Amino acid sequence: MMPDDKDIDLSEDLFEIAAKQLREDIDWEIYCDLLVTNFNWHRVRIDPAKAETWECVDWLHRNCAGRFDNYGAEFVFKDIHDLEWFVLRWS
């Protein structure tokens, strides 16, 4: 039984989605490694359910003195004190 054009299109779409996610994951790893290794940033991972809340995002913007970034449940902080407070609040 040969797949029809709809099945092939769906497979190609799923492949593209998976490839895009993989590229983003690799980019994040390279970016974090650069910040942590060369610029003394600090990295932490928290429970994904907590990381994706508006309360968490709001807390970061209101409480962090230094720069930070995140990708899902992974966070990097320039200031170690921001990381410490973040871990105390969200871990």
N, C-alpha and C. Protein backbone atom coordinates (compact mmCIF):
# COMPACT_ATOMS: atom_id res chain seq x y z
N MET A 1 0.84 -1.18 0.00
CA MET A 1 0.00 0.00 0.00
C MET A 1 0.89 1.24 0.00
N MET A 2 0.70 2.08 -0.94
CA MET A 2 1.50 3.30 -1.09
C MET A 2 0.86 4.45 -0.32
N PRO A 3 1.68 5.26 0.35
CA PRO A 3 1.11 6.43 1.03
C PRO A 3 0.61 7.45 0.02
N ASP A 4 -0.47 8.12 0.37
CA ASP A 4 -0.96 9.15 -0.55
C ASP A 4 -0.24 10.47 -0.28
N ASP A 5 -0.52 11.46 -1.10
CA ASP A 5 0.17 12.76 -1.00
C ASP A 5 -0.04 13.42 0.35
N LYS A 6 -1.21 13.24 0.96
CA LYS A 6 -1.48 13.85 2.28
C LYS A 6 -0.56 13.27 3.34
N ASP A 7 -0.33 11.95 3.29
CA ASP A 7 0.56 11.32 4.26
C ASP A 7 2.00 11.81 4.08
N ILE A 8 2.41 11.96 2.84
CA ILE A 8 3.77 12.45 2.57
C ILE A 8 3.92 13.89 3.05
N ASP A 9 2.92 14.73 2.79
CA ASP A 9 2.98 16.13 3.24
C ASP A 9 3.04 16.21 4.75
N LEU A 10 2.24 15.38 5.44
CA LEU A 10 2.23 15.37 6.89
C LEU A 10 3.59 14.93 7.43
N SER A 11 4.17 13.90 6.82
CA SER A 11 5.49 13.42 7.24
C SER A 11 6.54 14.51 7.06
N GLU A 12 6.48 15.22 5.95
CA GLU A 12 7.44 16.30 5.71
C GLU A 12 7.25 17.43 6.71
N ASP A 13 6.00 17.75 7.03
CA ASP A 13 5.72 18.79 8.02
C ASP A 13 6.26 18.39 9.39
N LEU A 14 6.04 17.14 9.79
CA LEU A 14 6.53 16.67 11.08
C LEU A 14 8.06 16.67 11.11
N PHE A 15 8.66 16.29 10.01
CA PHE A 15 10.11 16.32 9.91
C PHE A 15 10.63 17.75 10.07
N GLU A 16 10.00 18.71 9.42
CA GLU A 16 10.41 20.11 9.52
C GLU A 16 10.26 20.64 10.95
N ILE A 17 9.18 20.28 11.61
CA ILE A 17 8.96 20.69 13.00
C ILE A 17 10.06 20.12 13.90
N ALA A 18 10.35 18.83 13.74
CA ALA A 18 11.38 18.18 14.55
C ALA A 18 12.76 18.79 14.27
N ALA A 19 13.04 19.07 13.00
CA ALA A 19 14.34 19.65 12.64
C ALA A 19 14.49 21.06 13.23
N LYS A 20 13.41 21.84 13.20
CA LYS A 20 13.44 23.20 13.77
C LYS A 20 13.69 23.14 15.27
N GLN A 21 13.02 22.22 15.96
CA GLN A 21 13.20 22.07 17.41
C GLN A 21 14.64 21.66 17.73
N LEU A 22 15.18 20.75 16.95
CA LEU A 22 16.56 20.32 17.16
C LEU A 22 17.53 21.47 16.95
N ARG A 23 17.31 22.28 15.91
CA ARG A 23 18.17 23.45 15.68
C ARG A 23 18.11 24.42 16.85
N GLU A 24 16.91 24.67 17.36
CA GLU A 24 16.76 25.58 18.50
C GLU A 24 17.45 25.03 19.74
N ASP A 25 17.32 23.73 19.99
CA ASP A 25 17.98 23.10 21.14
C ASP A 25 19.49 23.22 21.03
N ILE A 26 20.03 22.97 19.85
CA ILE A 26 21.48 23.06 19.65
C ILE A 26 21.95 24.51 19.81
N ASP A 27 21.21 25.45 19.24
CA ASP A 27 21.57 26.87 19.38
C ASP A 27 21.60 27.28 20.85
N TRP A 28 20.60 26.84 21.62
CA TRP A 28 20.54 27.18 23.05
C TRP A 28 21.76 26.60 23.78
N GLU A 29 22.12 25.36 23.49
CA GLU A 29 23.27 24.74 24.15
C GLU A 29 24.55 25.49 23.84
N ILE A 30 24.75 25.87 22.60
CA ILE A 30 25.95 26.62 22.22
C ILE A 30 25.97 27.98 22.91
N TYR A 31 24.83 28.66 22.89
CA TYR A 31 24.70 29.98 23.53
C TYR A 31 25.01 29.90 25.03
N CYS A 32 24.41 28.92 25.72
CA CYS A 32 24.65 28.77 27.16
C CYS A 32 26.10 28.42 27.45
N ASP A 33 26.64 27.51 26.68
CA ASP A 33 28.03 27.13 26.89
C ASP A 33 28.96 28.33 26.74
N LEU A 34 28.68 29.16 25.75
CA LEU A 34 29.47 30.38 25.55
C LEU A 34 29.35 31.32 26.74
N LEU A 35 28.13 31.56 27.21
CA LEU A 35 27.94 32.47 28.34
C LEU A 35 28.57 31.94 29.62
N VAL A 36 28.37 30.66 29.90
CA VAL A 36 28.87 30.07 31.14
C VAL A 36 30.39 29.94 31.11
N THR A 37 30.93 29.46 30.01
CA THR A 37 32.37 29.21 29.92
C THR A 37 33.19 30.48 29.78
N ASN A 38 32.74 31.39 28.93
CA ASN A 38 33.57 32.56 28.62
C ASN A 38 33.19 33.83 29.37
N PHE A 39 31.97 33.91 29.86
CA PHE A 39 31.51 35.15 30.49
C PHE A 39 31.03 34.97 31.93
N ASN A 40 31.26 33.79 32.50
CA ASN A 40 30.95 33.50 33.91
C ASN A 40 29.48 33.66 34.26
N TRP A 41 28.59 33.34 33.33
CA TRP A 41 27.17 33.31 33.66
C TRP A 41 26.88 32.01 34.41
N HIS A 42 25.68 31.88 34.92
CA HIS A 42 25.31 30.74 35.75
C HIS A 42 24.02 30.13 35.20
N ARG A 43 23.98 28.80 35.19
CA ARG A 43 22.88 28.08 34.53
C ARG A 43 22.13 27.21 35.53
N VAL A 44 20.82 27.16 35.34
CA VAL A 44 19.99 26.31 36.21
C VAL A 44 18.77 25.83 35.43
N ARG A 45 18.26 24.68 35.83
CA ARG A 45 17.04 24.13 35.23
C ARG A 45 16.03 23.93 36.35
N ILE A 46 14.78 24.34 36.10
CA ILE A 46 13.73 24.15 37.10
C ILE A 46 12.62 23.28 36.52
N ASP A 47 11.65 22.98 37.34
CA ASP A 47 10.48 22.21 36.92
C ASP A 47 9.81 22.92 35.75
N PRO A 48 9.65 22.25 34.61
CA PRO A 48 9.05 22.91 33.44
C PRO A 48 7.66 23.49 33.70
N ALA A 49 6.89 22.88 34.57
CA ALA A 49 5.54 23.40 34.87
C ALA A 49 5.62 24.77 35.53
N LYS A 50 6.63 25.00 36.33
CA LYS A 50 6.80 26.30 36.98
C LYS A 50 7.39 27.34 36.03
N ALA A 51 8.26 26.90 35.13
CA ALA A 51 8.98 27.81 34.24
C ALA A 51 8.06 28.48 33.23
N GLU A 52 6.95 27.85 32.89
CA GLU A 52 6.11 28.36 31.82
C GLU A 52 4.92 29.16 32.34
N THR A 53 5.01 29.68 33.54
CA THR A 53 3.92 30.47 34.08
C THR A 53 4.23 31.96 33.92
N TRP A 54 3.18 32.74 33.79
CA TRP A 54 3.36 34.20 33.72
C TRP A 54 3.91 34.73 35.02
N GLU A 55 3.58 34.08 36.13
CA GLU A 55 4.09 34.52 37.43
C GLU A 55 5.62 34.44 37.47
N CYS A 56 6.17 33.38 36.89
CA CYS A 56 7.62 33.21 36.85
C CYS A 56 8.26 34.30 35.99
N VAL A 57 7.70 34.54 34.83
CA VAL A 57 8.23 35.58 33.93
C VAL A 57 8.16 36.95 34.59
N ASP A 58 7.04 37.24 35.21
CA ASP A 58 6.87 38.52 35.90
C ASP A 58 7.89 38.65 37.03
N TRP A 59 8.08 37.57 37.79
CA TRP A 59 9.04 37.59 38.89
C TRP A 59 10.45 37.91 38.37
N LEU A 60 10.83 37.28 37.28
CA LEU A 60 12.16 37.54 36.71
C LEU A 60 12.36 39.02 36.38
N HIS A 61 11.37 39.61 35.72
CA HIS A 61 11.50 41.01 35.31
C HIS A 61 11.46 41.98 36.49
N ARG A 62 10.77 41.62 37.54
CA ARG A 62 10.68 42.51 38.70
C ARG A 62 11.85 42.36 39.66
N ASN A 63 12.50 41.20 39.69
CA ASN A 63 13.46 40.91 40.74
C ASN A 63 14.91 40.76 40.31
N CYS A 64 15.18 40.57 39.05
CA CYS A 64 16.57 40.36 38.62
C CYS A 64 17.26 41.69 38.37
N ALA A 65 18.41 41.86 39.01
CA ALA A 65 19.19 43.08 38.83
C ALA A 65 20.03 42.99 37.55
N GLY A 66 20.48 41.79 37.24
CA GLY A 66 21.33 41.60 36.06
C GLY A 66 20.57 40.99 34.90
N ARG A 67 21.31 40.68 33.87
CA ARG A 67 20.71 40.08 32.68
C ARG A 67 20.42 38.60 32.91
N PHE A 68 19.45 38.10 32.20
CA PHE A 68 19.10 36.68 32.25
C PHE A 68 18.47 36.30 30.92
N ASP A 69 18.39 35.00 30.71
CA ASP A 69 17.71 34.49 29.52
C ASP A 69 17.20 33.10 29.86
N ASN A 70 16.26 32.64 29.06
CA ASN A 70 15.78 31.28 29.27
C ASN A 70 15.31 30.66 27.97
N TYR A 71 15.26 29.35 28.02
CA TYR A 71 14.73 28.54 26.93
C TYR A 71 13.97 27.41 27.61
N GLY A 72 12.66 27.55 27.66
CA GLY A 72 11.87 26.57 28.39
C GLY A 72 12.19 26.65 29.86
N ALA A 73 12.58 25.53 30.43
CA ALA A 73 12.86 25.46 31.87
C ALA A 73 14.33 25.67 32.19
N GLU A 74 15.14 26.03 31.22
CA GLU A 74 16.56 26.31 31.43
C GLU A 74 16.79 27.81 31.47
N PHE A 75 17.53 28.25 32.47
CA PHE A 75 17.78 29.67 32.68
C PHE A 75 19.27 29.92 32.83
N VAL A 76 19.71 31.07 32.34
CA VAL A 76 21.07 31.54 32.60
C VAL A 76 21.00 32.95 33.17
N PHE A 77 21.86 33.21 34.13
CA PHE A 77 21.88 34.50 34.82
C PHE A 77 23.30 35.04 34.82
N LYS A 78 23.42 36.33 34.59
CA LYS A 78 24.73 36.98 34.66
C LYS A 78 25.14 37.15 36.12
N ASP A 79 24.19 37.49 36.96
CA ASP A 79 24.45 37.77 38.38
C ASP A 79 24.13 36.54 39.23
N ILE A 80 25.12 36.05 39.97
CA ILE A 80 24.92 34.86 40.80
C ILE A 80 23.82 35.07 41.84
N HIS A 81 23.67 36.30 42.31
CA HIS A 81 22.63 36.57 43.32
C HIS A 81 21.24 36.43 42.71
N ASP A 82 21.08 36.82 41.48
CA ASP A 82 19.79 36.61 40.80
C ASP A 82 19.48 35.12 40.71
N LEU A 83 20.50 34.33 40.37
CA LEU A 83 20.32 32.88 40.30
C LEU A 83 19.93 32.32 41.65
N GLU A 84 20.61 32.73 42.71
CA GLU A 84 20.32 32.22 44.05
C GLU A 84 18.88 32.54 44.46
N TRP A 85 18.46 33.78 44.27
CA TRP A 85 17.09 34.15 44.62
C TRP A 85 16.08 33.40 43.76
N PHE A 86 16.40 33.24 42.50
CA PHE A 86 15.53 32.52 41.59
C PHE A 86 15.35 31.06 42.04
N VAL A 87 16.44 30.42 42.38
CA VAL A 87 16.39 29.02 42.83
C VAL A 87 15.60 28.92 44.13
N LEU A 88 15.82 29.83 45.04
CA LEU A 88 15.06 29.80 46.30
C LEU A 88 13.56 29.94 46.05
N ARG A 89 13.20 30.78 45.11
CA ARG A 89 11.76 31.02 44.85
C ARG A 89 11.12 29.94 43.99
N TRP A 90 11.83 29.42 42.99
CA TRP A 90 11.18 28.59 41.98
C TRP A 90 11.57 27.12 41.99
N SER A 91 12.54 26.71 42.82
CA SER A 91 12.91 25.28 42.86
C SER A 91 12.11 24.50 43.86
